[in-house]
Amino acid sequence: MLGGTMAKKYACVDTTRCVACGSCEKVCPRGAISVQRGAFAAVEIEKCVGCLLCAKTCPAGIISAKERAL
């Protein structure tokens, strides 16, 4: 949460293209992203604050921002 409200955006992983390198998992300040069963990264939307450090770090460039449903 940012300032008591949810961020407007959250990180979204294209799981079909994710190589499960773990770079995103290492940089997430909230622990909101993790590699699932060594197959792909998954985001816990409730924990994600929308900083997108994961997207900036992703060597495959497959993490993007999505708007939260209000």
Protein backbone atom coordinates (compact mmCIF):
# COMPACT_ATOMS: atom_id res chain seq x y z
CA MET A 1 0.00 0.00 0.00
CA LEU A 2 1.12 3.50 -0.75
CA GLY A 3 -0.12 6.22 1.54
CA GLY A 4 -2.97 4.07 2.80
CA THR A 5 -4.37 3.27 -0.65
CA MET A 6 -3.50 0.66 -3.24
CA ALA A 7 -1.22 1.65 -6.09
CA LYS A 8 -3.06 2.23 -9.36
CA LYS A 9 -0.86 -0.28 -11.19
CA TYR A 10 0.70 -3.64 -10.50
CA ALA A 11 3.28 -5.82 -12.23
CA CYS A 12 2.09 -8.46 -14.67
CA VAL A 13 4.31 -11.30 -15.96
CA ASP A 14 3.89 -12.90 -19.39
CA THR A 15 4.24 -16.42 -18.02
CA THR A 16 4.45 -17.94 -21.51
CA ARG A 17 7.74 -16.10 -22.14
CA CYS A 18 9.22 -16.07 -18.61
CA VAL A 19 12.53 -17.97 -18.28
CA ALA A 20 12.35 -18.16 -14.44
CA CYS A 21 15.73 -16.48 -13.94
CA GLY A 22 14.69 -14.98 -10.58
CA SER A 23 15.99 -11.45 -11.26
CA CYS A 24 12.59 -9.93 -10.50
CA GLU A 25 12.24 -11.89 -7.27
CA LYS A 26 15.57 -10.54 -6.00
CA VAL A 27 14.73 -6.85 -6.54
CA CYS A 28 11.13 -6.72 -5.32
CA PRO A 29 11.09 -4.59 -2.15
CA ARG A 30 7.81 -6.15 -0.95
CA GLY A 31 8.45 -9.80 -1.78
CA ALA A 32 5.46 -9.69 -4.10
CA ILE A 33 7.02 -11.70 -6.92
CA SER A 34 8.40 -15.22 -6.83
CA VAL A 35 9.41 -17.96 -9.23
CA GLN A 36 6.83 -20.74 -9.13
CA ARG A 37 8.13 -24.31 -9.30
CA GLY A 38 11.11 -23.13 -11.36
CA ALA A 39 8.78 -22.47 -14.28
CA PHE A 40 7.78 -18.78 -14.23
CA ALA A 41 7.50 -15.71 -12.02
CA ALA A 42 4.17 -14.91 -10.38
CA VAL A 43 3.03 -11.66 -8.75
CA GLU A 44 1.00 -11.48 -5.54
CA ILE A 45 -1.16 -8.56 -6.63
CA GLU A 46 -2.14 -7.68 -3.06
CA LYS A 47 1.51 -7.14 -2.11
CA CYS A 48 2.61 -5.34 -5.30
CA VAL A 49 3.03 -1.57 -4.92
CA GLY A 50 3.54 -0.89 -8.63
CA CYS A 51 7.18 0.28 -8.40
CA LEU A 52 8.04 -1.91 -11.43
CA LEU A 53 11.64 -2.53 -10.34
CA CYS A 54 10.98 -6.07 -11.51
CA ALA A 55 10.12 -4.88 -15.01
CA LYS A 56 13.26 -2.74 -15.18
CA THR A 57 15.37 -5.71 -14.08
CA CYS A 58 13.80 -8.40 -16.26
CA PRO A 59 16.36 -9.47 -18.92
CA ALA A 60 13.56 -10.88 -21.11
CA GLY A 61 11.48 -7.68 -20.91
CA ILE A 62 8.27 -9.59 -20.23
CA ILE A 63 6.97 -7.76 -17.13
CA SER A 64 4.56 -4.89 -17.70
CA ALA A 65 2.24 -2.65 -15.70
CA LYS A 66 -1.47 -3.36 -15.50
CA GLU A 67 -4.18 -1.06 -14.17
CA ARG A 68 -5.94 -2.25 -11.04
CA ALA A 69 -9.69 -2.76 -11.24
CA LEU A 70 -11.40 -0.26 -8.95
